Protein backbone atom coordinates (compact mmCIF):
# COMPACT_ATOMS: atom_id res chain seq x y z
CA MET A 1 105.56 86.30 -3.00
CA THR A 2 105.87 85.67 0.74
CA THR A 3 103.23 84.28 3.06
CA SER A 4 102.11 86.18 6.18
CA HIS A 5 104.05 83.63 8.28
CA GLU A 6 107.22 84.24 6.28
CA SER A 7 106.70 87.99 6.56
CA GLU A 8 106.34 87.73 10.34
CA LYS A 9 109.55 85.67 10.50
CA VAL A 10 111.43 88.30 8.48
CA ASN A 11 110.16 91.03 10.80
CA MET A 12 111.19 89.07 13.89
CA ASP A 13 114.63 88.34 12.47
CA THR A 14 115.10 92.00 11.66
CA ALA A 15 113.97 93.07 15.13
CA ILE A 16 116.64 91.06 16.96
CA LYS A 17 119.64 91.96 14.85
CA PRO A 18 122.50 93.19 17.04
CA SER A 19 122.72 96.38 15.00
CA SER A 20 119.32 97.36 16.38
CA LEU A 21 120.64 96.84 19.91
CA ALA A 22 123.58 99.08 19.10
CA GLN A 23 121.18 101.73 17.79
CA VAL A 24 119.17 101.54 21.02
CA ALA A 25 122.34 101.86 23.11
CA ASN A 26 123.64 104.73 20.98
CA SER A 27 120.37 106.60 21.40
CA GLN A 28 120.98 106.87 25.14
CA THR A 29 122.98 109.73 26.58
CA ALA A 30 126.30 108.12 27.50
CA ARG A 31 127.75 108.91 30.89
CA VAL A 32 131.24 108.18 32.15
CA ALA A 33 130.91 109.24 35.79
CA GLY A 34 128.61 111.09 38.08
CA ASN A 35 129.11 113.93 40.48
CA THR A 36 132.25 113.56 42.61
CA ALA A 37 130.15 114.28 45.69
CA GLN A 38 128.76 110.76 45.30
CA GLY A 39 132.15 109.29 46.16
CA THR A 40 134.74 107.43 44.14
CA GLY A 41 132.35 104.67 43.16
CA LEU A 42 132.66 100.91 43.50
CA GLU A 43 135.45 98.56 42.45
CA THR A 44 136.03 94.82 42.68
CA ARG A 45 139.51 93.36 42.52
CA GLY A 46 140.25 89.70 41.96
CA ILE A 47 136.89 88.40 43.17
CA HIS A 48 136.61 84.61 43.48
CA ALA A 49 133.59 82.80 44.91
CA TRP A 50 132.98 79.21 45.97
CA PHE A 51 130.04 77.10 47.07
CA GLY A 52 131.76 74.35 48.99
CA LYS A 53 134.30 72.89 46.55
CA HIS A 54 132.54 74.38 43.53
CA HIS A 55 134.51 77.34 42.16
CA ALA A 56 131.72 79.61 40.93
CA LEU A 57 133.60 82.81 40.00
CA ALA A 58 137.20 83.52 39.06
CA ASP A 59 139.16 86.76 39.14
CA ILE A 60 136.46 89.37 38.49
CA ASN A 61 137.87 92.89 38.21
CA LEU A 62 135.32 95.64 37.58
CA ASN A 63 135.17 99.37 38.21
CA PHE A 64 131.73 100.95 38.55
CA ALA A 65 131.96 104.72 38.18
CA ALA A 66 129.74 106.78 40.46
CA GLY A 67 126.51 107.83 38.78
CA THR A 68 126.48 105.18 36.05
CA VAL A 69 124.48 102.04 35.27
CA THR A 70 126.35 98.81 34.51
CA ALA A 71 124.50 95.78 33.10
CA LEU A 72 125.81 92.27 33.72
CA ILE A 73 124.81 89.88 30.94
CA GLY A 74 125.57 86.24 30.18
CA PRO A 75 123.98 82.77 30.20
CA SER A 76 122.33 81.35 33.31
CA GLY A 77 124.80 79.81 35.74
CA CYS A 78 127.77 82.00 34.84
CA GLY A 79 127.90 83.69 38.24
CA LYS A 80 126.29 87.10 37.66
CA SER A 81 123.98 86.93 40.68
CA THR A 82 126.71 85.37 42.81
CA PHE A 83 128.97 88.26 41.87
CA ILE A 84 126.59 91.02 42.96
CA ARG A 85 125.93 89.12 46.20
CA THR A 86 129.63 89.32 46.99
CA ILE A 87 129.43 93.10 46.58
CA ASN A 88 127.15 93.67 49.58
CA ARG A 89 128.34 90.62 51.55
CA MET A 90 125.25 88.48 51.10
CA HIS A 91 127.27 85.62 49.62
CA GLU A 92 128.98 84.82 52.92
CA PHE A 93 125.69 83.90 54.59
CA ILE A 94 125.13 80.90 52.30
CA PRO A 95 126.26 77.70 54.08
CA GLY A 96 129.58 76.51 52.66
CA ALA A 97 130.13 79.71 50.66
CA ALA A 98 133.51 81.46 50.53
CA MET A 99 135.10 84.31 48.62
CA ALA A 100 138.44 85.95 48.00
CA GLY A 101 139.37 89.37 46.67
CA GLU A 102 138.46 92.95 47.47
CA VAL A 103 135.28 95.02 47.13
CA LEU A 104 136.17 98.70 47.43
CA LEU A 105 133.54 101.33 48.19
CA ASP A 106 135.05 104.82 48.22
CA GLY A 107 138.44 103.14 48.32
CA LYS A 108 137.73 101.06 51.44
CA ASP A 109 137.42 97.25 51.37
CA VAL A 110 133.98 96.21 52.62
CA TYR A 111 135.54 92.89 53.73
CA ALA A 112 138.21 94.54 55.89
CA PRO A 113 138.39 93.15 59.46
CA GLY A 114 136.09 94.98 61.84
CA THR A 115 133.77 96.25 59.10
CA ASP A 116 130.13 96.54 60.20
CA VAL A 117 128.16 94.43 57.71
CA THR A 118 124.90 96.19 58.55
CA LYS A 119 126.39 99.56 57.62
CA ILE A 120 127.69 98.12 54.36
CA ARG A 121 124.18 97.02 53.40
CA LEU A 122 122.87 100.50 54.12
CA LYS A 123 125.36 101.88 51.59
CA ILE A 124 124.91 99.04 49.07
CA GLY A 125 121.22 98.20 48.64
CA MET A 126 119.72 95.23 46.82
CA VAL A 127 116.54 94.76 44.80
CA PHE A 128 115.70 91.13 44.07
CA GLN A 129 114.14 89.33 41.12
CA LYS A 130 110.85 88.77 42.94
CA PRO A 131 109.28 91.75 44.73
CA ASN A 132 109.30 91.16 48.48
CA PRO A 133 107.28 93.84 50.29
CA PHE A 134 106.43 93.07 53.90
CA PRO A 135 102.85 91.77 53.56
CA SER A 136 101.63 92.84 57.00
CA MET A 137 102.88 96.42 56.58
CA SER A 138 101.21 99.30 54.80
CA ILE A 139 102.75 100.97 51.76
CA GLY A 140 104.11 103.77 53.93
CA GLU A 141 105.43 101.39 56.59
CA ASN A 142 107.18 99.33 53.93
CA VAL A 143 109.09 102.34 52.63
CA LEU A 144 110.25 103.40 56.10
CA SER A 145 110.90 99.90 57.47
CA GLY A 146 114.62 100.09 56.68
CA LEU A 147 115.00 103.08 58.98
CA LYS A 148 113.47 101.14 61.86
CA LEU A 149 115.58 98.05 61.25
CA ALA A 150 118.76 100.13 61.02
CA GLN A 151 117.73 102.29 63.98
CA LEU A 152 118.07 105.45 61.92
CA LYS A 153 116.17 108.68 62.50
CA ALA A 154 114.58 110.95 59.93
CA ASP A 155 113.85 114.63 60.55
CA ASN A 156 110.59 114.46 58.62
CA LYS A 157 109.31 111.00 57.78
CA ASP A 158 106.44 112.30 55.65
CA ASP A 159 108.82 114.20 53.40
CA LEU A 160 111.18 111.22 53.20
CA LEU A 161 108.29 108.90 52.35
CA GLN A 162 107.13 111.14 49.52
CA ASP A 163 110.67 111.67 48.23
CA CYS A 164 111.41 107.92 48.07
CA LEU A 165 108.13 107.10 46.37
CA GLU A 166 108.62 109.92 43.86
CA ARG A 167 112.14 108.78 43.03
CA ALA A 168 110.84 105.23 42.59
CA GLY A 169 108.15 106.52 40.23
CA LEU A 170 105.29 105.36 42.47
CA TRP A 171 104.06 108.43 44.37
CA ASN A 172 101.25 109.48 42.02
CA GLU A 173 99.84 105.94 42.00
CA VAL A 174 99.75 105.42 45.78
CA LYS A 175 99.67 108.86 47.46
CA ASP A 176 95.97 108.48 48.30
CA ARG A 177 96.30 104.98 49.80
CA LEU A 178 99.54 104.93 51.79
CA GLY A 179 97.73 102.98 54.52
CA ALA A 180 96.88 100.06 52.21
CA TYR A 181 98.89 96.86 52.51
CA GLY A 182 101.97 96.64 50.29
CA GLY A 183 100.75 93.27 49.02
CA SER A 184 97.68 94.94 47.50
CA LEU A 185 99.80 96.52 44.77
CA SER A 186 100.45 95.01 41.35
CA GLY A 187 103.72 93.18 40.69
CA GLY A 188 105.33 96.16 39.01
CA GLN A 189 104.17 98.50 41.76
CA GLN A 190 105.49 96.12 44.42
CA GLN A 191 108.89 96.14 42.73
CA ARG A 192 108.96 99.94 42.73
CA LEU A 193 107.86 99.86 46.37
CA CYS A 194 110.88 97.69 47.14
CA ILE A 195 113.08 100.21 45.31
CA ALA A 196 111.57 103.02 47.39
CA ARG A 197 112.27 100.99 50.54
CA SER A 198 115.91 100.67 49.51
CA LEU A 199 116.15 104.42 48.88
CA ALA A 200 114.97 105.39 52.36
CA VAL A 201 118.37 104.59 53.91
CA ARG A 202 120.22 106.68 51.27
CA PRO A 203 122.42 104.02 49.61
CA GLN A 204 125.38 104.93 47.41
CA VAL A 205 124.99 101.78 45.31
CA LEU A 206 121.90 99.86 44.23
CA LEU A 207 122.26 96.26 43.06
CA MET A 208 119.37 94.85 41.00
CA ASP A 209 119.10 91.13 40.29
CA GLU A 210 116.82 90.71 37.25
CA PRO A 211 114.28 93.18 38.68
CA CYS A 212 111.97 93.01 35.65
CA SER A 213 112.02 89.31 34.79
CA ALA A 214 108.52 88.68 36.20
CA LEU A 215 106.95 91.93 35.00
CA ASP A 216 104.83 92.91 32.02
CA PRO A 217 106.28 95.29 29.38
CA GLY A 218 104.55 98.36 30.81
CA SER A 219 105.84 97.73 34.32
CA THR A 220 109.29 96.95 32.92
CA LEU A 221 109.37 100.32 31.14
CA ARG A 222 108.47 102.14 34.35
CA ILE A 223 111.22 100.31 36.26
CA GLU A 224 113.72 101.22 33.53
CA ASP A 225 112.68 104.87 33.71
CA THR A 226 113.24 104.68 37.46
CA ILE A 227 116.71 103.19 36.98
CA ARG A 228 117.80 105.96 34.63
CA HIS A 229 116.47 108.60 37.02
CA LEU A 230 118.12 107.06 40.10
CA SER A 231 121.48 106.73 38.39
CA GLU A 232 121.81 110.52 38.53
CA THR A 233 122.44 110.19 42.27
CA MET A 234 123.89 106.71 42.75
CA THR A 235 125.75 103.82 41.15
CA ILE A 236 123.53 101.03 39.78
CA VAL A 237 124.48 97.46 38.83
CA ILE A 238 121.79 95.38 37.14
CA VAL A 239 121.79 91.70 36.23
CA THR A 240 119.62 91.09 33.18
CA HIS A 241 118.99 88.43 30.55
CA ASN A 242 117.16 90.99 28.40
CA MET A 243 119.56 92.36 25.79
CA GLN A 244 117.16 95.15 24.85
CA GLN A 245 116.99 96.18 28.49
CA ALA A 246 120.77 96.29 28.80
CA ALA A 247 120.89 98.46 25.68
CA ARG A 248 118.17 100.79 26.98
CA VAL A 249 119.29 101.45 30.55
CA SER A 250 123.03 100.86 30.92
CA ASP A 251 126.10 102.97 30.30
CA TYR A 252 128.44 99.97 30.51
CA THR A 253 127.91 96.25 29.93
CA ALA A 254 129.98 93.36 31.25
CA PHE A 255 129.67 89.92 29.66
CA PHE A 256 130.08 86.89 31.93
CA LEU A 257 130.59 83.31 30.76
CA SER A 258 131.21 79.94 32.38
CA ASP A 259 132.90 77.74 29.78
CA GLY A 260 133.15 74.47 31.68
CA GLY A 261 134.87 76.17 34.61
CA PRO A 262 134.19 79.01 37.04
CA GLY A 263 132.35 82.05 35.75
CA GLN A 264 134.61 84.70 34.26
CA MET A 265 134.14 88.20 32.93
CA ILE A 266 134.97 88.02 29.23
CA GLU A 267 134.89 91.73 28.55
CA VAL A 268 133.44 95.04 29.70
CA ALA A 269 132.94 98.17 27.61
CA PRO A 270 130.49 101.01 27.00
CA THR A 271 127.18 99.38 26.13
CA SER A 272 127.12 100.74 22.58
CA GLU A 273 130.49 99.07 21.92
CA ILE A 274 129.43 95.71 23.38
CA PHE A 275 126.48 95.57 20.99
CA SER A 276 128.21 97.02 17.92
CA ARG A 277 131.86 95.99 18.02
CA PRO A 278 132.70 93.57 20.86
CA LYS A 279 136.36 92.59 21.06
CA ASP A 280 135.80 88.92 21.96
CA GLU A 281 134.13 86.50 19.55
CA ARG A 282 132.30 84.85 22.45
CA THR A 283 130.65 88.14 23.33
CA GLU A 284 129.59 88.66 19.72
CA ASN A 285 128.14 85.15 19.57
CA TYR A 286 126.11 85.80 22.70
CA VAL A 287 124.72 89.22 21.84
CA THR A 288 123.81 88.07 18.32
CA GLY A 289 121.92 85.05 19.70
CA ARG A 290 124.26 82.36 18.36
CA PHE A 291 124.32 80.77 21.81
CA GLY A 292 122.94 81.36 25.30
């Protein structure tokens, strides 16, 4: 006979078995690439990153097919966030930071001499861990603020505003109060507002750095629905510590690890394979909860 406490423990143990993660991943419709009209996708070749003398990342080679979602997983401090910041050239603005390697968008290196950094960030958007709407702007102004900053014109701003909010899964919740301050929204709504703001400048790639870590389960689910919907028209890279989330939203998963040295990518594969039959023992140990 088992006690209620023992029964709960059995249920919890069963819930986190890696096989269940594989089942979640396998239940998703796998995609290998999107429409060719979206471009050739994103690729990193031999990416290294430093903070002063600290070698944070070593030799990261990844290919992100257009129209797919790739999850980056691994313990804290292994360089996942640093890596995505090299992709849209945010890393270089940190004092003492340096990088080496190539980031190719449609076959062109975003670090090539003479490249306009502002234009790169229009093509490669970023959504951060903590929602950061502009507090003094209305909901509508927040969405369209990127156009103003980039000095871009829109033929019909009302249509663009609605389109971005619909794609971010927020339109029905805010359509009757577009003049309210962005800060009046809930945390999950603010995060979707930030996604809508990123969409207004028509990016090809959207980088997401733990976008759901501060959100409740309901808000997390809505963000994940948004990610799957957006990936039909763009490439998405998401950093997450939530294994269930990686299994639910991503087509591919890359495992990062820093084993006493710079962060390295241990392996990358379709998400269902990472959670069911990883090639590297370190990956298996991580996804089964033996460490990390």
